[in-house]
Structures are given as C-alpha cells and as structure tokens.
C-alpha cells in the first residue's frame, strides 16, 4: 500500500478529523482513509441515473399514474 504525507494542514482541520475519528471509534489515519475513499466513490458519479433517482425518492412512496388510451398514429403528410 502507498503512503502520503499531507503538509500545511490547518490545525482546525486536524482537530475536526480527530473528533470525527473518535466519534466513529477509529484512528485518525483510518478516518482519513474513509473520507478519501468516500470522496473518490462520489466523484465517479452514478452509472444508472434512473436507479439513483428511484433510490432518492423511494421513502416518499409511489404514484399511480393513469395512462391515456393509445391512439392510432396520424398519417404523415404527402408532398406530391
């Protein structure tokens, strides 16, 4: 596995990471790994937009739509 060093990290950011790691019962290193992993996973974006939309609104329940009756297709115009 690779290692990286992050220089010039704000003290406030370090404190927030330490608090977040403690809340999750993790080391700071593991917390940062998870943050980076989640950021990369979200950056790739959804592959199936309809699945993402369905997942987003599933908790609201479904809607039954009344579909109109199908009609015959109109004859195309003739240019003679």
N, C-alpha and C. Protein backbone atom coordinates (compact mmCIF):
# COMPACT_ATOMS: atom_id res chain seq x y z
N UNK A 1 0.83 -1.19 0.00
CA UNK A 1 0.00 0.00 0.00
C UNK A 1 0.87 1.25 0.00
N UNK A 2 0.35 2.29 -0.58
CA UNK A 2 1.09 3.55 -0.66
C UNK A 2 0.85 4.40 0.58
N UNK A 3 1.78 5.30 0.79
CA UNK A 3 1.66 6.27 1.89
C UNK A 3 1.76 7.67 1.31
N UNK A 4 1.07 8.61 1.94
CA UNK A 4 1.19 10.00 1.52
C UNK A 4 1.39 10.86 2.77
N UNK A 5 2.00 12.01 2.58
CA UNK A 5 2.19 12.99 3.64
C UNK A 5 1.43 14.23 3.22
N UNK A 6 0.67 14.78 4.13
CA UNK A 6 -0.08 16.00 3.84
C UNK A 6 0.56 17.13 4.63
N UNK A 7 1.12 18.07 3.93
CA UNK A 7 1.77 19.21 4.57
C UNK A 7 0.81 20.38 4.64
N UNK A 8 1.09 21.29 5.54
CA UNK A 8 0.34 22.54 5.70
C UNK A 8 -1.14 22.31 5.96
N UNK A 9 -1.47 21.28 6.71
CA UNK A 9 -2.85 21.01 7.09
C UNK A 9 -3.22 21.94 8.23
N UNK A 10 -4.32 22.65 8.08
CA UNK A 10 -4.76 23.57 9.12
C UNK A 10 -4.99 22.83 10.43
N UNK A 11 -4.62 23.46 11.53
CA UNK A 11 -4.82 22.86 12.85
C UNK A 11 -6.29 22.56 13.10
N UNK A 12 -7.17 23.45 12.64
CA UNK A 12 -8.61 23.26 12.84
C UNK A 12 -9.10 22.01 12.12
N UNK A 13 -8.59 21.76 10.92
CA UNK A 13 -8.97 20.57 10.17
C UNK A 13 -8.50 19.32 10.90
N UNK A 14 -7.27 19.36 11.41
CA UNK A 14 -6.74 18.21 12.15
C UNK A 14 -7.59 17.91 13.38
N UNK A 15 -7.99 18.94 14.10
CA UNK A 15 -8.82 18.75 15.29
C UNK A 15 -10.17 18.14 14.91
N UNK A 16 -10.76 18.64 13.83
CA UNK A 16 -12.06 18.10 13.39
C UNK A 16 -11.94 16.65 12.97
N UNK A 17 -10.85 16.28 12.31
CA UNK A 17 -10.64 14.89 11.93
C UNK A 17 -10.49 14.03 13.17
N UNK A 18 -9.74 14.53 14.14
CA UNK A 18 -9.53 13.77 15.38
C UNK A 18 -10.87 13.53 16.09
N UNK A 19 -11.73 14.56 16.14
CA UNK A 19 -13.04 14.43 16.79
C UNK A 19 -13.92 13.45 16.02
N UNK A 20 -13.92 13.59 14.70
CA UNK A 20 -14.73 12.70 13.86
C UNK A 20 -14.28 11.25 14.01
N UNK A 21 -12.97 11.03 14.04
CA UNK A 21 -12.43 9.68 14.22
C UNK A 21 -12.84 9.11 15.56
N UNK A 22 -12.79 9.93 16.60
CA UNK A 22 -13.18 9.46 17.94
C UNK A 22 -14.65 9.07 17.96
N UNK A 23 -15.51 9.87 17.31
CA UNK A 23 -16.93 9.55 17.24
C UNK A 23 -17.18 8.20 16.58
N UNK A 24 -16.37 7.90 15.57
CA UNK A 24 -16.53 6.64 14.84
C UNK A 24 -15.71 5.50 15.45
N UNK A 25 -14.95 5.80 16.50
CA UNK A 25 -14.14 4.78 17.14
C UNK A 25 -12.97 4.32 16.28
N UNK A 26 -12.40 5.24 15.50
CA UNK A 26 -11.32 4.91 14.58
C UNK A 26 -10.09 5.75 14.88
N UNK A 27 -8.97 5.31 14.33
CA UNK A 27 -7.77 6.15 14.38
C UNK A 27 -7.94 7.28 13.38
N UNK A 28 -7.14 8.32 13.54
CA UNK A 28 -7.19 9.42 12.58
C UNK A 28 -6.84 8.93 11.18
N UNK A 29 -5.85 8.07 11.08
CA UNK A 29 -5.45 7.56 9.77
C UNK A 29 -6.59 6.81 9.09
N UNK A 30 -7.27 5.95 9.84
CA UNK A 30 -8.38 5.20 9.24
C UNK A 30 -9.53 6.13 8.85
N UNK A 31 -9.79 7.14 9.67
CA UNK A 31 -10.84 8.10 9.35
C UNK A 31 -10.52 8.83 8.05
N UNK A 32 -9.27 9.25 7.90
CA UNK A 32 -8.87 9.95 6.67
C UNK A 32 -8.97 9.01 5.47
N UNK A 33 -8.59 7.73 5.65
CA UNK A 33 -8.74 6.77 4.55
C UNK A 33 -10.19 6.67 4.10
N UNK A 34 -11.10 6.60 5.07
CA UNK A 34 -12.53 6.50 4.74
C UNK A 34 -13.03 7.77 4.04
N UNK A 35 -12.60 8.92 4.54
CA UNK A 35 -13.00 10.19 3.92
C UNK A 35 -12.54 10.23 2.47
N UNK A 36 -11.29 9.86 2.23
CA UNK A 36 -10.76 9.87 0.86
C UNK A 36 -11.48 8.85 -0.02
N UNK A 37 -11.72 7.66 0.51
CA UNK A 37 -12.42 6.62 -0.25
C UNK A 37 -13.82 7.09 -0.64
N UNK A 38 -14.55 7.67 0.33
CA UNK A 38 -15.90 8.17 0.05
C UNK A 38 -15.88 9.29 -0.98
N UNK A 39 -14.90 10.19 -0.87
CA UNK A 39 -14.81 11.30 -1.82
C UNK A 39 -14.58 10.79 -3.24
N UNK A 40 -13.73 9.81 -3.39
CA UNK A 40 -13.45 9.26 -4.71
C UNK A 40 -14.66 8.50 -5.25
N UNK A 41 -15.33 7.73 -4.39
CA UNK A 41 -16.51 7.00 -4.84
C UNK A 41 -17.61 7.94 -5.31
N UNK A 42 -17.81 9.06 -4.63
CA UNK A 42 -18.85 10.02 -5.02
C UNK A 42 -18.46 10.78 -6.27
N UNK A 43 -17.18 10.96 -6.48
CA UNK A 43 -16.72 11.72 -7.64
C UNK A 43 -17.01 10.98 -8.94
N UNK A 44 -16.94 9.66 -8.90
CA UNK A 44 -17.18 8.86 -10.10
C UNK A 44 -18.60 9.07 -10.59
N UNK A 45 -19.53 9.23 -9.68
CA UNK A 45 -20.91 9.53 -10.03
C UNK A 45 -21.72 8.29 -10.33
N UNK A 46 -23.01 8.48 -10.42
CA UNK A 46 -23.90 7.35 -10.65
C UNK A 46 -23.78 6.83 -12.08
N UNK A 47 -23.88 5.54 -12.20
CA UNK A 47 -23.84 4.92 -13.51
C UNK A 47 -25.25 4.89 -14.10
N UNK A 48 -26.24 4.62 -13.26
CA UNK A 48 -27.62 4.50 -13.70
C UNK A 48 -28.45 5.61 -13.05
N UNK A 49 -28.71 6.67 -13.78
CA UNK A 49 -29.41 7.83 -13.24
C UNK A 49 -30.80 7.47 -12.74
N UNK A 50 -31.52 6.62 -13.45
CA UNK A 50 -32.87 6.26 -13.01
C UNK A 50 -32.83 5.52 -11.67
N UNK A 51 -31.83 4.67 -11.45
CA UNK A 51 -31.70 3.97 -10.17
C UNK A 51 -31.40 4.93 -9.04
N UNK A 52 -30.58 5.93 -9.32
CA UNK A 52 -30.25 6.92 -8.29
C UNK A 52 -31.48 7.75 -7.93
N UNK A 53 -32.25 8.16 -8.93
CA UNK A 53 -33.47 8.93 -8.68
C UNK A 53 -34.47 8.08 -7.90
N UNK A 54 -34.65 6.83 -8.29
CA UNK A 54 -35.58 5.93 -7.59
C UNK A 54 -35.16 5.76 -6.13
N UNK A 55 -33.87 5.56 -5.90
CA UNK A 55 -33.37 5.40 -4.53
C UNK A 55 -33.59 6.67 -3.71
N UNK A 56 -33.40 7.80 -4.34
CA UNK A 56 -33.53 9.09 -3.65
C UNK A 56 -34.97 9.33 -3.16
N UNK A 57 -35.96 8.90 -3.95
CA UNK A 57 -37.35 9.22 -3.63
C UNK A 57 -38.18 8.03 -3.16
N UNK A 58 -37.58 6.87 -2.97
CA UNK A 58 -38.30 5.67 -2.55
C UNK A 58 -39.05 5.90 -1.24
N UNK A 59 -38.44 6.61 -0.32
CA UNK A 59 -39.06 6.80 1.00
C UNK A 59 -40.36 7.60 0.92
N UNK A 60 -40.60 8.30 -0.19
CA UNK A 60 -41.83 9.09 -0.34
C UNK A 60 -43.01 8.25 -0.79
N UNK A 61 -42.74 7.05 -1.27
CA UNK A 61 -43.82 6.19 -1.76
C UNK A 61 -44.00 6.36 -3.26
N UNK A 62 -44.82 5.49 -3.81
CA UNK A 62 -45.03 5.50 -5.25
C UNK A 62 -46.22 6.34 -5.67
N UNK A 63 -46.39 6.48 -6.95
CA UNK A 63 -47.51 7.23 -7.52
C UNK A 63 -48.09 6.39 -8.64
N UNK A 64 -49.39 6.23 -8.62
CA UNK A 64 -50.06 5.52 -9.70
C UNK A 64 -50.54 6.55 -10.72
N UNK A 65 -50.06 6.44 -11.92
CA UNK A 65 -50.45 7.36 -12.98
C UNK A 65 -51.43 6.68 -13.91
N UNK A 66 -52.45 7.42 -14.29
CA UNK A 66 -53.42 6.90 -15.26
C UNK A 66 -52.88 7.19 -16.65
N UNK A 67 -52.65 6.14 -17.40
CA UNK A 67 -52.11 6.31 -18.73
C UNK A 67 -53.25 6.53 -19.72
N UNK A 68 -53.09 7.49 -20.60
CA UNK A 68 -54.14 7.72 -21.60
C UNK A 68 -54.18 6.56 -22.60
N UNK A 69 -55.36 6.36 -23.20
CA UNK A 69 -55.52 5.30 -24.20
C UNK A 69 -54.66 5.64 -25.41
N UNK A 70 -54.12 4.61 -26.03
CA UNK A 70 -53.28 4.83 -27.20
C UNK A 70 -54.17 5.11 -28.41
N UNK A 71 -53.69 6.00 -29.23
CA UNK A 71 -54.43 6.35 -30.44
C UNK A 71 -53.60 5.93 -31.65
N UNK A 72 -54.29 5.79 -32.76
CA UNK A 72 -53.58 5.45 -33.99
C UNK A 72 -52.69 6.62 -34.39
N UNK A 73 -51.59 6.30 -35.02
CA UNK A 73 -50.66 7.34 -35.46
C UNK A 73 -51.26 8.03 -36.68
N UNK A 74 -51.19 9.34 -36.70
CA UNK A 74 -51.71 10.12 -37.83
C UNK A 74 -50.90 9.82 -39.09
N UNK A 75 -51.59 9.89 -40.21
CA UNK A 75 -50.93 9.68 -41.49
C UNK A 75 -49.96 10.84 -41.73
N UNK A 76 -48.77 10.54 -42.19
CA UNK A 76 -47.82 11.62 -42.49
C UNK A 76 -48.28 12.41 -43.72
N UNK A 77 -47.92 13.66 -43.81
CA UNK A 77 -48.34 14.45 -44.98
C UNK A 77 -47.67 13.91 -46.26
N UNK A 78 -48.37 14.08 -47.37
CA UNK A 78 -47.85 13.64 -48.66
C UNK A 78 -47.48 14.89 -49.46
N UNK A 79 -46.30 14.89 -49.99
CA UNK A 79 -45.82 16.02 -50.79
C UNK A 79 -45.69 15.57 -52.25
N UNK A 80 -46.80 15.60 -52.94
CA UNK A 80 -46.82 15.11 -54.33
C UNK A 80 -46.89 16.24 -55.31
